[in-house]
N, C-alpha and C. Protein backbone atom coordinates (compact mmCIF):
# COMPACT_ATOMS: atom_id res chain seq x y z
N MET A 1 5.46 -15.02 20.78
CA MET A 1 4.32 -14.11 20.74
C MET A 1 3.69 -14.19 19.35
N ASN A 2 2.40 -14.41 19.31
CA ASN A 2 1.68 -14.50 18.04
C ASN A 2 1.12 -13.15 17.63
N ILE A 3 0.94 -12.99 16.33
CA ILE A 3 0.39 -11.75 15.79
C ILE A 3 -1.10 -11.69 16.09
N GLU A 4 -1.49 -10.59 16.72
CA GLU A 4 -2.90 -10.32 17.01
C GLU A 4 -3.07 -8.82 17.10
N ASN A 5 -4.31 -8.38 17.25
CA ASN A 5 -4.57 -6.94 17.35
C ASN A 5 -3.74 -6.31 18.45
N LYS A 6 -3.30 -5.08 18.20
CA LYS A 6 -2.51 -4.27 19.11
C LYS A 6 -1.05 -4.72 19.22
N LYS A 7 -0.60 -5.52 18.27
CA LYS A 7 0.81 -5.92 18.20
C LYS A 7 1.47 -5.19 17.04
N VAL A 8 2.73 -4.82 17.22
CA VAL A 8 3.52 -4.23 16.15
C VAL A 8 4.29 -5.37 15.48
N VAL A 9 4.14 -5.46 14.17
CA VAL A 9 4.71 -6.57 13.41
C VAL A 9 5.72 -6.04 12.40
N SER A 10 6.88 -6.70 12.35
CA SER A 10 7.90 -6.42 11.33
C SER A 10 8.00 -7.65 10.44
N PHE A 11 7.96 -7.45 9.13
CA PHE A 11 8.07 -8.58 8.22
C PHE A 11 8.73 -8.17 6.92
N HIS A 12 9.37 -9.15 6.30
CA HIS A 12 9.90 -8.97 4.95
C HIS A 12 8.93 -9.63 3.99
N TYR A 13 8.88 -9.11 2.77
CA TYR A 13 7.99 -9.68 1.77
C TYR A 13 8.59 -9.52 0.38
N ALA A 14 8.15 -10.40 -0.50
CA ALA A 14 8.38 -10.24 -1.93
C ALA A 14 7.00 -10.32 -2.56
N LEU A 15 6.68 -9.37 -3.41
CA LEU A 15 5.37 -9.27 -4.04
C LEU A 15 5.50 -9.61 -5.52
N SER A 16 4.66 -10.55 -5.98
CA SER A 16 4.66 -10.95 -7.39
C SER A 16 3.25 -10.82 -7.95
N ASN A 17 3.17 -10.57 -9.25
CA ASN A 17 1.87 -10.49 -9.91
C ASN A 17 1.42 -11.88 -10.35
N GLY A 18 0.27 -11.95 -11.02
CA GLY A 18 -0.30 -13.22 -11.45
C GLY A 18 0.55 -13.98 -12.45
N GLN A 19 1.48 -13.30 -13.11
CA GLN A 19 2.38 -13.96 -14.06
C GLN A 19 3.67 -14.42 -13.40
N GLY A 20 3.77 -14.23 -12.08
CA GLY A 20 4.96 -14.65 -11.35
C GLY A 20 6.11 -13.66 -11.40
N GLU A 21 5.88 -12.47 -11.97
CA GLU A 21 6.93 -11.45 -12.03
C GLU A 21 7.00 -10.70 -10.70
N GLN A 22 8.19 -10.61 -10.13
CA GLN A 22 8.34 -9.89 -8.87
C GLN A 22 8.18 -8.40 -9.12
N ILE A 23 7.29 -7.78 -8.34
CA ILE A 23 6.99 -6.36 -8.47
C ILE A 23 7.85 -5.54 -7.52
N GLU A 24 7.98 -6.04 -6.29
CA GLU A 24 8.82 -5.36 -5.31
C GLU A 24 9.17 -6.33 -4.19
N SER A 25 10.17 -5.93 -3.40
CA SER A 25 10.62 -6.74 -2.29
C SER A 25 11.19 -5.83 -1.22
N SER A 26 11.01 -6.23 0.03
CA SER A 26 11.60 -5.48 1.14
C SER A 26 12.90 -6.12 1.60
N ARG A 27 13.28 -7.22 1.00
CA ARG A 27 14.42 -7.98 1.51
C ARG A 27 15.77 -7.27 1.36
N ASP A 28 15.84 -6.24 0.52
CA ASP A 28 17.09 -5.49 0.37
C ASP A 28 17.04 -4.16 1.12
N ARG A 29 16.08 -4.03 2.03
CA ARG A 29 15.96 -2.81 2.84
C ARG A 29 15.35 -3.20 4.19
N GLU A 30 14.95 -2.19 4.94
CA GLU A 30 14.33 -2.44 6.24
C GLU A 30 13.01 -3.17 6.06
N PRO A 31 12.63 -4.02 7.03
CA PRO A 31 11.34 -4.72 6.91
C PRO A 31 10.17 -3.75 7.02
N MET A 32 9.03 -4.19 6.53
CA MET A 32 7.77 -3.45 6.68
C MET A 32 7.35 -3.59 8.13
N VAL A 33 6.85 -2.51 8.72
CA VAL A 33 6.39 -2.52 10.11
C VAL A 33 4.99 -1.91 10.14
N TYR A 34 4.06 -2.57 10.86
CA TYR A 34 2.70 -2.05 10.94
C TYR A 34 2.06 -2.45 12.27
N LEU A 35 0.96 -1.78 12.59
CA LEU A 35 0.18 -2.06 13.79
C LEU A 35 -0.97 -2.98 13.38
N HIS A 36 -0.95 -4.22 13.88
CA HIS A 36 -1.96 -5.20 13.47
C HIS A 36 -3.33 -4.81 14.01
N GLY A 37 -4.32 -4.88 13.14
CA GLY A 37 -5.69 -4.56 13.50
C GLY A 37 -6.08 -3.12 13.24
N ALA A 38 -5.14 -2.30 12.81
CA ALA A 38 -5.42 -0.88 12.58
C ALA A 38 -5.71 -0.58 11.12
N GLY A 39 -5.71 -1.59 10.26
CA GLY A 39 -6.00 -1.36 8.84
C GLY A 39 -4.90 -0.63 8.10
N ASN A 40 -3.65 -0.79 8.55
CA ASN A 40 -2.53 -0.08 7.93
C ASN A 40 -1.94 -0.79 6.72
N ILE A 41 -2.34 -2.04 6.48
CA ILE A 41 -1.90 -2.76 5.29
C ILE A 41 -3.13 -3.36 4.61
N ILE A 42 -2.96 -3.91 3.42
CA ILE A 42 -4.12 -4.44 2.69
C ILE A 42 -4.77 -5.56 3.51
N PRO A 43 -6.10 -5.64 3.45
CA PRO A 43 -6.85 -6.56 4.32
C PRO A 43 -6.45 -8.02 4.23
N GLY A 44 -6.25 -8.54 3.04
CA GLY A 44 -5.92 -9.95 2.90
C GLY A 44 -4.58 -10.30 3.50
N LEU A 45 -3.61 -9.40 3.39
CA LEU A 45 -2.29 -9.65 3.96
C LEU A 45 -2.36 -9.60 5.48
N GLU A 46 -3.10 -8.63 6.01
CA GLU A 46 -3.25 -8.55 7.47
C GLU A 46 -3.92 -9.82 8.00
N LYS A 47 -4.95 -10.29 7.31
CA LYS A 47 -5.65 -11.52 7.70
C LYS A 47 -4.70 -12.72 7.67
N ALA A 48 -3.87 -12.81 6.63
CA ALA A 48 -2.93 -13.93 6.50
C ALA A 48 -1.86 -13.91 7.59
N LEU A 49 -1.50 -12.73 8.08
CA LEU A 49 -0.48 -12.61 9.12
C LEU A 49 -1.01 -12.96 10.52
N ALA A 50 -2.32 -12.85 10.72
CA ALA A 50 -2.91 -13.11 12.03
C ALA A 50 -2.54 -14.52 12.51
N GLY A 51 -2.08 -14.59 13.75
CA GLY A 51 -1.74 -15.87 14.36
C GLY A 51 -0.32 -16.34 14.10
N LYS A 52 0.39 -15.71 13.18
CA LYS A 52 1.76 -16.11 12.88
C LYS A 52 2.70 -15.62 13.98
N ALA A 53 3.94 -16.14 13.97
CA ALA A 53 4.94 -15.80 14.99
C ALA A 53 6.28 -15.52 14.32
N VAL A 54 7.21 -14.97 15.09
CA VAL A 54 8.56 -14.69 14.58
C VAL A 54 9.15 -15.96 13.97
N GLY A 55 9.72 -15.81 12.79
CA GLY A 55 10.34 -16.93 12.10
C GLY A 55 9.42 -17.62 11.12
N ASP A 56 8.11 -17.39 11.22
CA ASP A 56 7.18 -18.01 10.27
C ASP A 56 7.43 -17.43 8.88
N ARG A 57 7.41 -18.31 7.88
CA ARG A 57 7.55 -17.90 6.49
C ARG A 57 6.45 -18.60 5.71
N PHE A 58 5.74 -17.84 4.89
CA PHE A 58 4.62 -18.40 4.15
C PHE A 58 4.36 -17.60 2.88
N GLU A 59 3.55 -18.21 2.01
CA GLU A 59 3.14 -17.55 0.78
C GLU A 59 1.62 -17.47 0.78
N VAL A 60 1.10 -16.35 0.34
CA VAL A 60 -0.35 -16.17 0.25
C VAL A 60 -0.68 -15.49 -1.07
N ILE A 61 -1.71 -16.02 -1.74
CA ILE A 61 -2.20 -15.42 -2.97
C ILE A 61 -3.48 -14.66 -2.63
N LEU A 62 -3.51 -13.38 -2.95
CA LEU A 62 -4.66 -12.54 -2.65
C LEU A 62 -5.38 -12.16 -3.94
N GLU A 63 -6.67 -12.39 -3.94
CA GLU A 63 -7.50 -11.95 -5.05
C GLU A 63 -7.70 -10.44 -4.92
N PRO A 64 -8.07 -9.76 -5.99
CA PRO A 64 -8.19 -8.29 -5.95
C PRO A 64 -9.03 -7.76 -4.79
N ALA A 65 -10.12 -8.42 -4.45
CA ALA A 65 -10.98 -7.94 -3.37
C ALA A 65 -10.27 -7.90 -2.02
N GLU A 66 -9.24 -8.73 -1.84
CA GLU A 66 -8.48 -8.76 -0.59
C GLU A 66 -7.22 -7.92 -0.66
N ALA A 67 -6.97 -7.34 -1.83
CA ALA A 67 -5.74 -6.58 -2.03
C ALA A 67 -6.09 -5.11 -2.33
N TYR A 68 -5.97 -4.70 -3.58
CA TYR A 68 -6.22 -3.30 -3.95
C TYR A 68 -7.54 -3.08 -4.66
N GLY A 69 -8.41 -4.09 -4.63
CA GLY A 69 -9.74 -3.97 -5.20
C GLY A 69 -9.77 -4.23 -6.70
N GLU A 70 -10.97 -4.30 -7.21
CA GLU A 70 -11.17 -4.47 -8.65
C GLU A 70 -10.93 -3.13 -9.34
N ARG A 71 -10.54 -3.19 -10.61
CA ARG A 71 -10.39 -1.95 -11.38
C ARG A 71 -11.76 -1.37 -11.66
N GLU A 72 -11.89 -0.09 -11.46
CA GLU A 72 -13.13 0.61 -11.79
C GLU A 72 -12.90 1.31 -13.13
N GLU A 73 -13.65 0.88 -14.13
CA GLU A 73 -13.45 1.43 -15.47
C GLU A 73 -13.74 2.93 -15.53
N ASN A 74 -14.60 3.42 -14.65
CA ASN A 74 -14.86 4.86 -14.62
C ASN A 74 -13.82 5.59 -13.76
N GLY A 75 -12.73 4.92 -13.44
CA GLY A 75 -11.67 5.53 -12.65
C GLY A 75 -10.76 6.45 -13.44
N VAL A 76 -10.86 6.40 -14.76
CA VAL A 76 -10.04 7.29 -15.60
C VAL A 76 -10.83 8.57 -15.84
N LYS A 77 -10.22 9.70 -15.50
CA LYS A 77 -10.88 11.00 -15.61
C LYS A 77 -10.01 11.97 -16.40
N ARG A 78 -10.65 12.88 -17.13
CA ARG A 78 -9.96 13.95 -17.85
C ARG A 78 -10.10 15.21 -17.01
N ILE A 79 -8.96 15.82 -16.69
CA ILE A 79 -8.94 16.99 -15.82
C ILE A 79 -8.20 18.12 -16.54
N PRO A 80 -8.74 19.33 -16.48
CA PRO A 80 -8.04 20.46 -17.11
C PRO A 80 -6.62 20.61 -16.54
N ALA A 81 -5.68 20.83 -17.42
CA ALA A 81 -4.27 20.93 -17.02
C ALA A 81 -4.03 22.04 -16.01
N LYS A 82 -4.89 23.07 -16.00
CA LYS A 82 -4.69 24.19 -15.07
C LYS A 82 -4.78 23.75 -13.61
N HIS A 83 -5.33 22.57 -13.35
CA HIS A 83 -5.46 22.07 -11.98
C HIS A 83 -4.20 21.35 -11.49
N PHE A 84 -3.19 21.27 -12.34
CA PHE A 84 -1.94 20.60 -11.99
C PHE A 84 -0.81 21.60 -11.90
N LYS A 85 -0.07 21.53 -10.83
CA LYS A 85 1.15 22.32 -10.72
C LYS A 85 2.17 21.66 -11.64
N HIS A 86 2.81 22.41 -12.47
CA HIS A 86 3.82 21.91 -13.42
C HIS A 86 3.23 20.88 -14.38
N ALA A 87 2.06 21.15 -14.91
CA ALA A 87 1.42 20.22 -15.85
C ALA A 87 2.31 19.92 -17.05
N ASP A 88 3.13 20.88 -17.44
CA ASP A 88 3.99 20.70 -18.61
C ASP A 88 5.12 19.70 -18.35
N ARG A 89 5.34 19.32 -17.09
CA ARG A 89 6.41 18.36 -16.75
C ARG A 89 5.87 16.96 -16.47
N LEU A 90 4.56 16.79 -16.50
CA LEU A 90 3.99 15.48 -16.19
C LEU A 90 4.33 14.47 -17.27
N GLN A 91 4.50 13.21 -16.86
CA GLN A 91 4.80 12.13 -17.79
C GLN A 91 3.84 10.97 -17.56
N VAL A 92 3.53 10.27 -18.63
CA VAL A 92 2.67 9.08 -18.53
C VAL A 92 3.31 8.09 -17.55
N GLY A 93 2.48 7.56 -16.65
CA GLY A 93 2.95 6.61 -15.64
C GLY A 93 3.31 7.25 -14.32
N GLN A 94 3.47 8.55 -14.32
CA GLN A 94 3.83 9.27 -13.10
C GLN A 94 2.64 9.28 -12.14
N GLN A 95 2.93 9.11 -10.85
CA GLN A 95 1.88 9.20 -9.84
C GLN A 95 1.96 10.57 -9.19
N VAL A 96 0.78 11.20 -9.05
CA VAL A 96 0.69 12.53 -8.46
C VAL A 96 -0.47 12.57 -7.48
N ILE A 97 -0.45 13.56 -6.62
CA ILE A 97 -1.52 13.76 -5.65
C ILE A 97 -2.43 14.88 -6.16
N LEU A 98 -3.72 14.59 -6.22
CA LEU A 98 -4.71 15.59 -6.57
C LEU A 98 -5.42 16.04 -5.29
N HIS A 99 -5.69 17.31 -5.20
CA HIS A 99 -6.45 17.85 -4.07
C HIS A 99 -7.88 18.01 -4.54
N THR A 100 -8.78 17.20 -3.97
CA THR A 100 -10.19 17.22 -4.36
C THR A 100 -11.05 17.67 -3.19
N GLN A 101 -12.33 17.81 -3.44
CA GLN A 101 -13.25 18.18 -2.36
C GLN A 101 -13.36 17.07 -1.33
N GLN A 102 -13.01 15.83 -1.71
CA GLN A 102 -13.03 14.71 -0.79
C GLN A 102 -11.67 14.50 -0.12
N GLY A 103 -10.72 15.36 -0.38
CA GLY A 103 -9.38 15.24 0.20
C GLY A 103 -8.36 14.89 -0.87
N GLN A 104 -7.19 14.46 -0.44
CA GLN A 104 -6.12 14.13 -1.36
C GLN A 104 -6.35 12.74 -1.96
N VAL A 105 -6.07 12.62 -3.25
CA VAL A 105 -6.22 11.37 -3.97
C VAL A 105 -4.97 11.14 -4.81
N GLN A 106 -4.38 9.95 -4.70
CA GLN A 106 -3.23 9.61 -5.54
C GLN A 106 -3.76 9.05 -6.85
N VAL A 107 -3.23 9.56 -7.96
CA VAL A 107 -3.64 9.13 -9.30
C VAL A 107 -2.40 8.85 -10.14
N THR A 108 -2.62 8.12 -11.23
CA THR A 108 -1.56 7.84 -12.19
C THR A 108 -1.88 8.56 -13.49
N VAL A 109 -0.92 9.27 -14.02
CA VAL A 109 -1.09 9.99 -15.28
C VAL A 109 -1.10 8.97 -16.42
N VAL A 110 -2.17 9.01 -17.25
CA VAL A 110 -2.26 8.07 -18.37
C VAL A 110 -2.14 8.76 -19.72
N LYS A 111 -2.40 10.07 -19.77
CA LYS A 111 -2.25 10.81 -21.02
C LYS A 111 -2.04 12.28 -20.68
N VAL A 112 -1.08 12.89 -21.36
CA VAL A 112 -0.80 14.31 -21.15
C VAL A 112 -1.10 15.06 -22.44
N GLY A 113 -2.04 15.97 -22.36
CA GLY A 113 -2.38 16.80 -23.50
C GLY A 113 -2.04 18.24 -23.20
N ARG A 114 -2.23 19.09 -24.16
CA ARG A 114 -1.92 20.51 -23.99
C ARG A 114 -2.87 21.17 -22.99
N PHE A 115 -4.14 20.80 -23.04
CA PHE A 115 -5.14 21.44 -22.20
C PHE A 115 -5.72 20.54 -21.12
N ASN A 116 -5.57 19.21 -21.29
CA ASN A 116 -6.14 18.26 -20.34
C ASN A 116 -5.14 17.17 -20.00
N ILE A 117 -5.31 16.62 -18.80
CA ILE A 117 -4.51 15.50 -18.34
C ILE A 117 -5.48 14.38 -17.99
N ASP A 118 -5.27 13.18 -18.55
CA ASP A 118 -6.07 12.02 -18.18
C ASP A 118 -5.37 11.28 -17.06
N VAL A 119 -6.11 11.00 -15.99
CA VAL A 119 -5.54 10.31 -14.83
C VAL A 119 -6.40 9.11 -14.47
N ASP A 120 -5.78 8.14 -13.85
CA ASP A 120 -6.46 6.92 -13.41
C ASP A 120 -6.44 6.92 -11.88
N ARG A 121 -7.64 6.90 -11.29
CA ARG A 121 -7.77 6.90 -9.83
C ARG A 121 -7.58 5.50 -9.24
N ASN A 122 -7.58 4.46 -10.08
CA ASN A 122 -7.36 3.10 -9.59
C ASN A 122 -5.93 2.95 -9.08
N HIS A 123 -5.76 2.14 -8.05
CA HIS A 123 -4.41 1.79 -7.60
C HIS A 123 -3.74 1.03 -8.75
N PRO A 124 -2.44 1.22 -8.97
CA PRO A 124 -1.77 0.53 -10.08
C PRO A 124 -1.91 -1.00 -10.02
N LEU A 125 -2.13 -1.57 -8.85
CA LEU A 125 -2.27 -3.02 -8.73
C LEU A 125 -3.72 -3.48 -8.61
N ALA A 126 -4.67 -2.56 -8.79
CA ALA A 126 -6.09 -2.93 -8.72
C ALA A 126 -6.41 -3.93 -9.83
N GLY A 127 -7.28 -4.88 -9.49
CA GLY A 127 -7.72 -5.87 -10.47
C GLY A 127 -6.77 -7.04 -10.64
N GLN A 128 -5.68 -7.07 -9.89
CA GLN A 128 -4.69 -8.14 -10.04
C GLN A 128 -4.68 -9.06 -8.83
N ALA A 129 -4.52 -10.37 -9.09
CA ALA A 129 -4.23 -11.32 -8.02
C ALA A 129 -2.75 -11.15 -7.69
N LEU A 130 -2.42 -11.08 -6.42
CA LEU A 130 -1.05 -10.83 -5.99
C LEU A 130 -0.56 -11.95 -5.08
N THR A 131 0.71 -12.30 -5.22
CA THR A 131 1.32 -13.31 -4.36
C THR A 131 2.34 -12.64 -3.46
N PHE A 132 2.19 -12.86 -2.17
CA PHE A 132 3.15 -12.35 -1.18
C PHE A 132 3.92 -13.52 -0.59
N ASP A 133 5.24 -13.44 -0.62
CA ASP A 133 6.12 -14.37 0.07
C ASP A 133 6.59 -13.62 1.31
N VAL A 134 6.16 -14.07 2.49
CA VAL A 134 6.30 -13.30 3.73
C VAL A 134 7.16 -14.04 4.75
N GLU A 135 7.99 -13.28 5.47
CA GLU A 135 8.76 -13.82 6.60
C GLU A 135 8.58 -12.86 7.78
N VAL A 136 8.06 -13.37 8.89
CA VAL A 136 7.83 -12.56 10.08
C VAL A 136 9.16 -12.39 10.81
N ILE A 137 9.56 -11.14 11.04
CA ILE A 137 10.85 -10.81 11.65
C ILE A 137 10.71 -10.51 13.14
N ASP A 138 9.66 -9.77 13.51
CA ASP A 138 9.50 -9.38 14.92
C ASP A 138 8.04 -9.12 15.23
N VAL A 139 7.65 -9.40 16.47
CA VAL A 139 6.31 -9.10 16.98
C VAL A 139 6.50 -8.54 18.39
N ARG A 140 5.88 -7.39 18.65
CA ARG A 140 5.98 -6.79 19.99
C ARG A 140 4.67 -6.12 20.33
N ASP A 141 4.49 -5.81 21.63
CA ASP A 141 3.32 -5.05 22.05
C ASP A 141 3.45 -3.61 21.55
N ALA A 142 2.35 -3.04 21.14
CA ALA A 142 2.34 -1.63 20.73
C ALA A 142 2.40 -0.76 21.98
N THR A 143 3.00 0.41 21.84
CA THR A 143 3.01 1.36 22.96
C THR A 143 1.64 2.03 23.05
N ASP A 144 1.36 2.65 24.19
CA ASP A 144 0.09 3.39 24.34
C ASP A 144 -0.02 4.49 23.29
N GLU A 145 1.10 5.15 23.00
CA GLU A 145 1.09 6.23 22.01
C GLU A 145 0.77 5.69 20.62
N GLU A 146 1.36 4.54 20.25
CA GLU A 146 1.07 3.94 18.95
C GLU A 146 -0.39 3.54 18.85
N LEU A 147 -0.94 2.98 19.94
CA LEU A 147 -2.35 2.59 19.94
C LEU A 147 -3.26 3.81 19.79
N SER A 148 -2.94 4.89 20.49
CA SER A 148 -3.79 6.08 20.41
C SER A 148 -3.70 6.75 19.03
N HIS A 149 -2.55 6.64 18.37
CA HIS A 149 -2.37 7.23 17.04
C HIS A 149 -2.80 6.30 15.92
N GLY A 150 -2.89 4.99 16.20
CA GLY A 150 -3.33 4.03 15.20
C GLY A 150 -2.28 3.61 14.20
N HIS A 151 -1.00 3.86 14.52
CA HIS A 151 0.09 3.43 13.65
C HIS A 151 1.39 3.32 14.44
N VAL A 152 2.38 2.69 13.85
CA VAL A 152 3.67 2.46 14.49
C VAL A 152 4.51 3.72 14.45
N HIS A 153 5.28 3.92 15.49
CA HIS A 153 6.24 5.02 15.53
C HIS A 153 7.65 4.45 15.44
N GLY A 154 8.53 5.21 14.83
CA GLY A 154 9.91 4.77 14.68
C GLY A 154 10.70 4.93 15.97
N PRO A 155 11.99 4.66 15.91
CA PRO A 155 12.84 4.83 17.09
C PRO A 155 12.74 6.25 17.62
N GLY A 156 12.58 6.37 18.91
CA GLY A 156 12.50 7.69 19.54
C GLY A 156 11.11 8.26 19.59
N GLY A 157 10.09 7.53 19.10
CA GLY A 157 8.71 8.00 19.21
C GLY A 157 8.18 8.60 17.93
N ALA A 158 7.13 9.38 18.10
CA ALA A 158 6.39 9.95 16.95
C ALA A 158 7.25 10.93 16.18
N HIS A 159 7.08 10.93 14.87
CA HIS A 159 7.78 11.87 14.00
C HIS A 159 6.77 12.59 13.12
N HIS A 160 5.68 13.04 13.74
CA HIS A 160 4.66 13.77 12.99
C HIS A 160 4.07 14.86 13.84
């Protein structure tokens, strides 16, 4: 069975940056599982997986536009510390969720001051070319419930 829309795909990966340093890997844990065609993973990786089958192993280099996007220099914002729960415990590099008028946004703390916190709205991997070493573990048809929800469910069905 080949990977196409409405298929549930399980794969292992190792992710490296442009300098060849491994950033993360799924090979020492459960494989990544996603619903193909639902936009649940970065676009370039989903595109590279299309048409592959169980047992296929490949490497793909994704430019920022196909991965986490280009860095937006205006992505760093100064926010009054009063808008953070436990602002006094924040540390540089920590990722936190901000509640904005546009919904929840994940940010990275870049500077902690007494009255203000500087955060970066860019994804930590934005602006980087990324290399994925991928091995397809399983491909199956999605259930009707997974299709209607737009994501994969674990053993025993939905957990939300």
